[in-house]
């Protein structure tokens, strides 16, 4: 894995810790999309984050705030 991939993993993990301090951090995989129109790097980590319980108040967090 390249140095930039390791830096991206660390940045994504840090953003998750900052936004969701009470949940365990899932493994962060950095992938290279097959089609370049989807960018240079991607990660499916958002799909492995737990959903909030039904009826729970969800904080208003803009996705760019984590970036």
PDB file of N, CA and C in Angstrom:
ATOM      1  N   UNK A   1       0.856  -1.175   0.000  1.00  0.00           N
ATOM      2  CA  UNK A   1       0.000   0.000   0.000  1.00  0.00           C
ATOM      3  C   UNK A   1       0.898   1.233   0.000  1.00  0.00           C
ATOM      4  N   UNK A   2       0.494   2.243  -0.703  1.00  0.00           N
ATOM      5  CA  UNK A   2       1.310   3.447  -0.827  1.00  0.00           C
ATOM      6  C   UNK A   2       1.188   4.337   0.409  1.00  0.00           C
ATOM      7  N   UNK A   3       2.111   5.269   0.512  1.00  0.00           N
ATOM      8  CA  UNK A   3       2.100   6.190   1.641  1.00  0.00           C
ATOM      9  C   UNK A   3       0.817   7.012   1.670  1.00  0.00           C
ATOM     10  N   UNK A   4       0.351   7.457   0.508  1.00  0.00           N
ATOM     11  CA  UNK A   4      -0.877   8.254   0.481  1.00  0.00           C
ATOM     12  C   UNK A   4      -2.080   7.423   0.930  1.00  0.00           C
ATOM     13  N   UNK A   5      -2.114   6.150   0.596  1.00  0.00           N
ATOM     14  CA  UNK A   5      -3.217   5.284   1.052  1.00  0.00           C
ATOM     15  C   UNK A   5      -3.216   5.176   2.574  1.00  0.00           C
ATOM     16  N   UNK A   6      -2.022   5.067   3.167  1.00  0.00           N
ATOM     17  CA  UNK A   6      -1.931   4.998   4.624  1.00  0.00           C
ATOM     18  C   UNK A   6      -2.374   6.317   5.256  1.00  0.00           C
ATOM     19  N   UNK A   7      -2.026   7.430   4.625  1.00  0.00           N
ATOM     20  CA  UNK A   7      -2.449   8.732   5.134  1.00  0.00           C
ATOM     21  C   UNK A   7      -3.964   8.892   5.014  1.00  0.00           C
ATOM     22  N   UNK A   8      -4.542   8.399   3.921  1.00  0.00           N
ATOM     23  CA  UNK A   8      -5.993   8.457   3.757  1.00  0.00           C
ATOM     24  C   UNK A   8      -6.697   7.607   4.802  1.00  0.00           C
ATOM     25  N   UNK A   9      -6.174   6.408   5.075  1.00  0.00           N
ATOM     26  CA  UNK A   9      -6.747   5.545   6.113  1.00  0.00           C
ATOM     27  C   UNK A   9      -6.752   6.260   7.455  1.00  0.00           C
ATOM     28  N   UNK A  10      -5.636   6.884   7.784  1.00  0.00           N
ATOM     29  CA  UNK A  10      -5.530   7.592   9.063  1.00  0.00           C
ATOM     30  C   UNK A  10      -6.501   8.765   9.112  1.00  0.00           C
ATOM     31  N   UNK A  11      -6.618   9.508   8.016  1.00  0.00           N
ATOM     32  CA  UNK A  11      -7.522  10.664   7.985  1.00  0.00           C
ATOM     33  C   UNK A  11      -8.983  10.232   8.134  1.00  0.00           C
ATOM     34  N   UNK A  12      -9.371   9.150   7.466  1.00  0.00           N
ATOM     35  CA  UNK A  12     -10.748   8.659   7.556  1.00  0.00           C
ATOM     36  C   UNK A  12     -11.023   8.156   8.974  1.00  0.00           C
ATOM     37  N   UNK A  13     -10.091   7.405   9.538  1.00  0.00           N
ATOM     38  CA  UNK A  13     -10.264   6.909  10.913  1.00  0.00           C
ATOM     39  C   UNK A  13     -10.389   8.061  11.902  1.00  0.00           C
ATOM     40  N   UNK A  14      -9.544   9.081  11.748  1.00  0.00           N
ATOM     41  CA  UNK A  14      -9.610  10.240  12.637  1.00  0.00           C
ATOM     42  C   UNK A  14     -10.940  10.970  12.505  1.00  0.00           C
ATOM     43  N   UNK A  15     -11.442  11.099  11.278  1.00  0.00           N
ATOM     44  CA  UNK A  15     -12.725  11.777  11.065  1.00  0.00           C
ATOM     45  C   UNK A  15     -13.864  11.001  11.718  1.00  0.00           C
ATOM     46  N   UNK A  16     -13.828   9.672  11.629  1.00  0.00           N
ATOM     47  CA  UNK A  16     -14.867   8.849  12.266  1.00  0.00           C
ATOM     48  C   UNK A  16     -14.791   9.012  13.784  1.00  0.00           C
ATOM     49  N   UNK A  17     -13.572   8.963  14.335  1.00  0.00           N
ATOM     50  CA  UNK A  17     -13.405   9.134  15.792  1.00  0.00           C
ATOM     51  C   UNK A  17     -13.935  10.488  16.254  1.00  0.00           C
ATOM     52  N   UNK A  18     -13.688  11.516  15.458  1.00  0.00           N
ATOM     53  CA  UNK A  18     -14.114  12.867  15.821  1.00  0.00           C
ATOM     54  C   UNK A  18     -15.637  13.000  15.776  1.00  0.00           C
ATOM     55  N   UNK A  19     -16.270  12.450  14.746  1.00  0.00           N
ATOM     56  CA  UNK A  19     -17.713  12.593  14.580  1.00  0.00           C
ATOM     57  C   UNK A  19     -18.511  11.612  15.435  1.00  0.00           C
ATOM     58  N   UNK A  20     -17.954  10.427  15.664  1.00  0.00           N
ATOM     59  CA  UNK A  20     -18.668   9.368  16.387  1.00  0.00           C
ATOM     60  C   UNK A  20     -17.749   8.775  17.453  1.00  0.00           C
ATOM     61  N   UNK A  21     -17.474   9.502  18.524  1.00  0.00           N
ATOM     62  CA  UNK A  21     -16.497   9.023  19.517  1.00  0.00           C
ATOM     63  C   UNK A  21     -16.930   7.791  20.308  1.00  0.00           C
ATOM     64  N   UNK A  22     -18.214   7.474  20.306  1.00  0.00           N
ATOM     65  CA  UNK A  22     -18.708   6.369  21.139  1.00  0.00           C
ATOM     66  C   UNK A  22     -18.809   5.031  20.423  1.00  0.00           C
ATOM     67  N   UNK A  23     -18.446   4.972  19.144  1.00  0.00           N
ATOM     68  CA  UNK A  23     -18.563   3.699  18.428  1.00  0.00           C
ATOM     69  C   UNK A  23     -17.179   3.158  18.107  1.00  0.00           C
ATOM     70  N   UNK A  24     -17.057   1.835  17.994  1.00  0.00           N
ATOM     71  CA  UNK A  24     -15.768   1.270  17.591  1.00  0.00           C
ATOM     72  C   UNK A  24     -15.483   1.617  16.122  1.00  0.00           C
ATOM     73  N   UNK A  25     -14.240   1.850  15.820  1.00  0.00           N
ATOM     74  CA  UNK A  25     -13.845   2.224  14.464  1.00  0.00           C
ATOM     75  C   UNK A  25     -13.689   0.958  13.629  1.00  0.00           C
ATOM     76  N   UNK A  26     -14.462   0.850  12.534  1.00  0.00           N
ATOM     77  CA  UNK A  26     -14.320  -0.325  11.670  1.00  0.00           C
ATOM     78  C   UNK A  26     -13.027  -0.230  10.859  1.00  0.00           C
ATOM     79  N   UNK A  27     -12.560  -1.338  10.322  1.00  0.00           N
ATOM     80  CA  UNK A  27     -11.372  -1.284   9.472  1.00  0.00           C
ATOM     81  C   UNK A  27     -11.631  -0.387   8.256  1.00  0.00           C
ATOM     82  N   UNK A  28     -10.658   0.429   7.918  1.00  0.00           N
ATOM     83  CA  UNK A  28     -10.779   1.336   6.782  1.00  0.00           C
ATOM     84  C   UNK A  28      -9.987   0.758   5.619  1.00  0.00           C
ATOM     85  N   UNK A  29     -10.681   0.456   4.539  1.00  0.00           N
ATOM     86  CA  UNK A  29     -10.035  -0.035   3.322  1.00  0.00           C
ATOM     87  C   UNK A  29     -10.060   1.077   2.284  1.00  0.00           C
ATOM     88  N   UNK A  30      -8.926   1.327   1.671  1.00  0.00           N
ATOM     89  CA  UNK A  30      -8.846   2.303   0.590  1.00  0.00           C
ATOM     90  C   UNK A  30      -8.801   1.515  -0.717  1.00  0.00           C
ATOM     91  N   UNK A  31      -9.704   1.864  -1.619  1.00  0.00           N
ATOM     92  CA  UNK A  31      -9.813   1.147  -2.894  1.00  0.00           C
ATOM     93  C   UNK A  31      -9.561   2.106  -4.050  1.00  0.00           C
ATOM     94  N   UNK A  32      -9.255   1.535  -5.184  1.00  0.00           N
ATOM     95  CA  UNK A  32      -9.094   2.290  -6.422  1.00  0.00           C
ATOM     96  C   UNK A  32     -10.286   1.959  -7.314  1.00  0.00           C
ATOM     97  N   UNK A  33     -11.169   2.917  -7.585  1.00  0.00           N
ATOM     98  CA  UNK A  33     -12.346   2.638  -8.409  1.00  0.00           C
ATOM     99  C   UNK A  33     -11.944   2.142  -9.805  1.00  0.00           C
ATOM    100  N   UNK A  34     -12.718   1.221 -10.337  1.00  0.00           N
ATOM    101  CA  UNK A  34     -12.449   0.689 -11.672  1.00  0.00           C
ATOM    102  C   UNK A  34     -12.648   1.763 -12.739  1.00  0.00           C
ATOM    103  N   UNK A  35     -13.577   2.668 -12.495  1.00  0.00           N
ATOM    104  CA  UNK A  35     -13.869   3.745 -13.442  1.00  0.00           C
ATOM    105  C   UNK A  35     -13.340   5.052 -12.862  1.00  0.00           C
ATOM    106  N   UNK A  36     -12.454   5.718 -13.590  1.00  0.00           N
ATOM    107  CA  UNK A  36     -11.820   6.931 -13.074  1.00  0.00           C
ATOM    108  C   UNK A  36     -12.795   8.088 -12.856  1.00  0.00           C
ATOM    109  N   UNK A  37     -13.995   8.000 -13.418  1.00  0.00           N
ATOM    110  CA  UNK A  37     -14.957   9.082 -13.184  1.00  0.00           C
ATOM    111  C   UNK A  37     -15.460   9.090 -11.741  1.00  0.00           C
ATOM    112  N   UNK A  38     -15.167   8.021 -10.996  1.00  0.00           N
ATOM    113  CA  UNK A  38     -15.556   7.953  -9.590  1.00  0.00           C
ATOM    114  C   UNK A  38     -14.443   8.416  -8.663  1.00  0.00           C
ATOM    115  N   UNK A  39     -13.386   8.999  -9.211  1.00  0.00           N
ATOM    116  CA  UNK A  39     -12.300   9.547  -8.405  1.00  0.00           C
ATOM    117  C   UNK A  39     -11.090   8.645  -8.361  1.00  0.00           C
ATOM    118  N   UNK A  40     -10.104   9.088  -7.600  1.00  0.00           N
ATOM    119  CA  UNK A  40      -8.844   8.352  -7.496  1.00  0.00           C
ATOM    120  C   UNK A  40      -8.883   7.286  -6.406  1.00  0.00           C
ATOM    121  N   UNK A  41      -9.606   7.554  -5.329  1.00  0.00           N
ATOM    122  CA  UNK A  41      -9.679   6.630  -4.195  1.00  0.00           C
ATOM    123  C   UNK A  41     -11.118   6.565  -3.701  1.00  0.00           C
ATOM    124  N   UNK A  42     -11.453   5.457  -3.059  1.00  0.00           N
ATOM    125  CA  UNK A  42     -12.770   5.321  -2.439  1.00  0.00           C
ATOM    126  C   UNK A  42     -12.632   4.409  -1.218  1.00  0.00           C
ATOM    127  N   UNK A  43     -13.656   4.432  -0.372  1.00  0.00           N
ATOM    128  CA  UNK A  43     -13.689   3.543   0.785  1.00  0.00           C
ATOM    129  C   UNK A  43     -15.147   3.186   1.088  1.00  0.00           C
ATOM    130  N   UNK A  44     -15.402   1.914   1.373  1.00  0.00           N
ATOM    131  CA  UNK A  44     -16.761   1.504   1.741  1.00  0.00           C
ATOM    132  C   UNK A  44     -17.014   1.575   3.252  1.00  0.00           C
ATOM    133  N   UNK A  45     -16.184   2.306   3.989  1.00  0.00           N
ATOM    134  CA  UNK A  45     -16.276   2.318   5.447  1.00  0.00           C
ATOM    135  C   UNK A  45     -17.634   2.817   5.939  1.00  0.00           C
ATOM    136  N   UNK A  46     -18.261   3.728   5.224  1.00  0.00           N
ATOM    137  CA  UNK A  46     -19.563   4.244   5.673  1.00  0.00           C
ATOM    138  C   UNK A  46     -20.612   3.141   5.733  1.00  0.00           C
ATOM    139  N   UNK A  47     -20.465   2.130   4.895  1.00  0.00           N
ATOM    140  CA  UNK A  47     -21.434   1.035   4.887  1.00  0.00           C
ATOM    141  C   UNK A  47     -21.286   0.124   6.103  1.00  0.00           C
ATOM    142  N   UNK A  48     -20.135   0.201   6.779  1.00  0.00           N
ATOM    143  CA  UNK A  48     -19.930  -0.675   7.937  1.00  0.00           C
ATOM    144  C   UNK A  48     -20.174   0.041   9.269  1.00  0.00           C
ATOM    145  N   UNK A  49     -20.512   1.337   9.222  1.00  0.00           N
ATOM    146  CA  UNK A  49     -20.831   2.050  10.453  1.00  0.00           C
ATOM    147  C   UNK A  49     -22.214   1.640  10.945  1.00  0.00           C
ATOM    148  N   UNK A  50     -22.400   1.536  12.259  1.00  0.00           N
ATOM    149  CA  UNK A  50     -23.711   1.139  12.781  1.00  0.00           C
ATOM    150  C   UNK A  50     -24.762   2.224  12.538  1.00  0.00           C
ATOM    151  N   UNK A  51     -25.986   1.796  12.337  1.00  0.00           N
ATOM    152  CA  UNK A  51     -27.101   2.728  12.181  1.00  0.00           C
ATOM    153  C   UNK A  51     -27.550   3.184  13.561  1.00  0.00           C
ATOM    154  N   UNK A  52     -28.049   4.421  13.672  1.00  0.00           N
ATOM    155  CA  UNK A  52     -28.576   4.855  14.971  1.00  0.00           C
ATOM    156  C   UNK A  52     -29.851   4.071  15.301  1.00  0.00           C
ATOM    157  N   UNK A  53     -30.147   3.890  16.585  1.00  0.00           N
ATOM    158  CA  UNK A  53     -31.377   3.181  16.952  1.00  0.00           C
ATOM    159  C   UNK A  53     -32.608   3.933  16.451  1.00  0.00           C
ATOM    160  N   UNK A  54     -33.668   3.181  16.181  1.00  0.00           N
ATOM    161  CA  UNK A  54     -34.915   3.810  15.718  1.00  0.00           C
ATOM    162  C   UNK A  54     -35.401   4.813  16.745  1.00  0.00           C
ATOM    163  N   UNK A  55     -35.836   5.957  16.240  1.00  0.00           N
ATOM    164  CA  UNK A  55     -36.372   6.986  17.102  1.00  0.00           C
ATOM    165  C   UNK A  55     -35.320   7.845  17.785  1.00  0.00           C
ATOM    166  N   UNK A  56     -34.044   7.495  17.598  1.00  0.00           N
ATOM    167  CA  UNK A  56     -32.986   8.286  18.233  1.00  0.00           C
ATOM    168  C   UNK A  56     -32.796   9.595  17.474  1.00  0.00           C
ATOM    169  N   UNK A  57     -32.503  10.623  18.224  1.00  0.00           N
ATOM    170  CA  UNK A  57     -32.229  11.920  17.592  1.00  0.00           C
ATOM    171  C   UNK A  57     -30.897  11.815  16.860  1.00  0.00           C
ATOM    172  N   UNK A  58     -30.904  12.182  15.607  1.00  0.00           N
ATOM    173  CA  UNK A  58     -29.682  12.128  14.807  1.00  0.00           C
ATOM    174  C   UNK A  58     -29.136  13.549  14.723  1.00  0.00           C
ATOM    175  N   UNK A  59     -27.901  13.754  15.173  1.00  0.00           N
ATOM    176  CA  UNK A  59     -27.337  15.099  15.103  1.00  0.00           C
ATOM    177  C   UNK A  59     -27.230  15.568  13.664  1.00  0.00           C
ATOM    178  N   UNK A  60     -27.378  16.853  13.475  1.00  0.00           N
ATOM    179  CA  UNK A  60     -27.281  17.432  12.145  1.00  0.00           C
ATOM    180  C   UNK A  60     -25.807  17.645  11.824  1.00  0.00           C
ATOM    181  N   UNK A  61     -25.212  16.653  11.175  1.00  0.00           N
ATOM    182  CA  UNK A  61     -23.801  16.727  10.820  1.00  0.00           C
ATOM    183  C   UNK A  61     -23.674  16.711   9.323  1.00  0.00           C
ATOM    184  N   UNK A  62     -23.101  17.754   8.796  1.00  0.00           N
ATOM    185  CA  UNK A  62     -22.889  17.839   7.357  1.00  0.00           C
ATOM    186  C   UNK A  62     -21.696  16.955   6.996  1.00  0.00           C
ATOM    187  N   UNK A  63     -21.784  16.175   5.902  1.00  0.00           N
ATOM    188  CA  UNK A  63     -20.674  15.277   5.535  1.00  0.00           C
ATOM    189  C   UNK A  63     -19.336  15.996   5.381  1.00  0.00           C
ATOM    190  N   UNK A  64     -19.344  17.229   4.932  1.00  0.00           N
ATOM    191  CA  UNK A  64     -18.086  17.952   4.767  1.00  0.00           C
ATOM    192  C   UNK A  64     -17.446  18.300   6.103  1.00  0.00           C
ATOM    193  N   UNK A  65     -18.219  18.292   7.174  1.00  0.00           N
ATOM    194  CA  UNK A  65     -17.655  18.610   8.486  1.00  0.00           C
ATOM    195  C   UNK A  65     -16.659  17.545   8.920  1.00  0.00           C
ATOM    196  N   UNK A  66     -16.829  16.328   8.464  1.00  0.00           N
ATOM    197  CA  UNK A  66     -15.924  15.241   8.817  1.00  0.00           C
ATOM    198  C   UNK A  66     -14.658  15.258   7.982  1.00  0.00           C
ATOM    199  N   UNK A  67     -14.712  15.917   6.842  1.00  0.00           N
ATOM    200  CA  UNK A  67     -13.560  15.899   5.924  1.00  0.00           C
ATOM    201  C   UNK A  67     -12.455  16.814   6.357  1.00  0.00           C
TER     202      UNK A  67
END
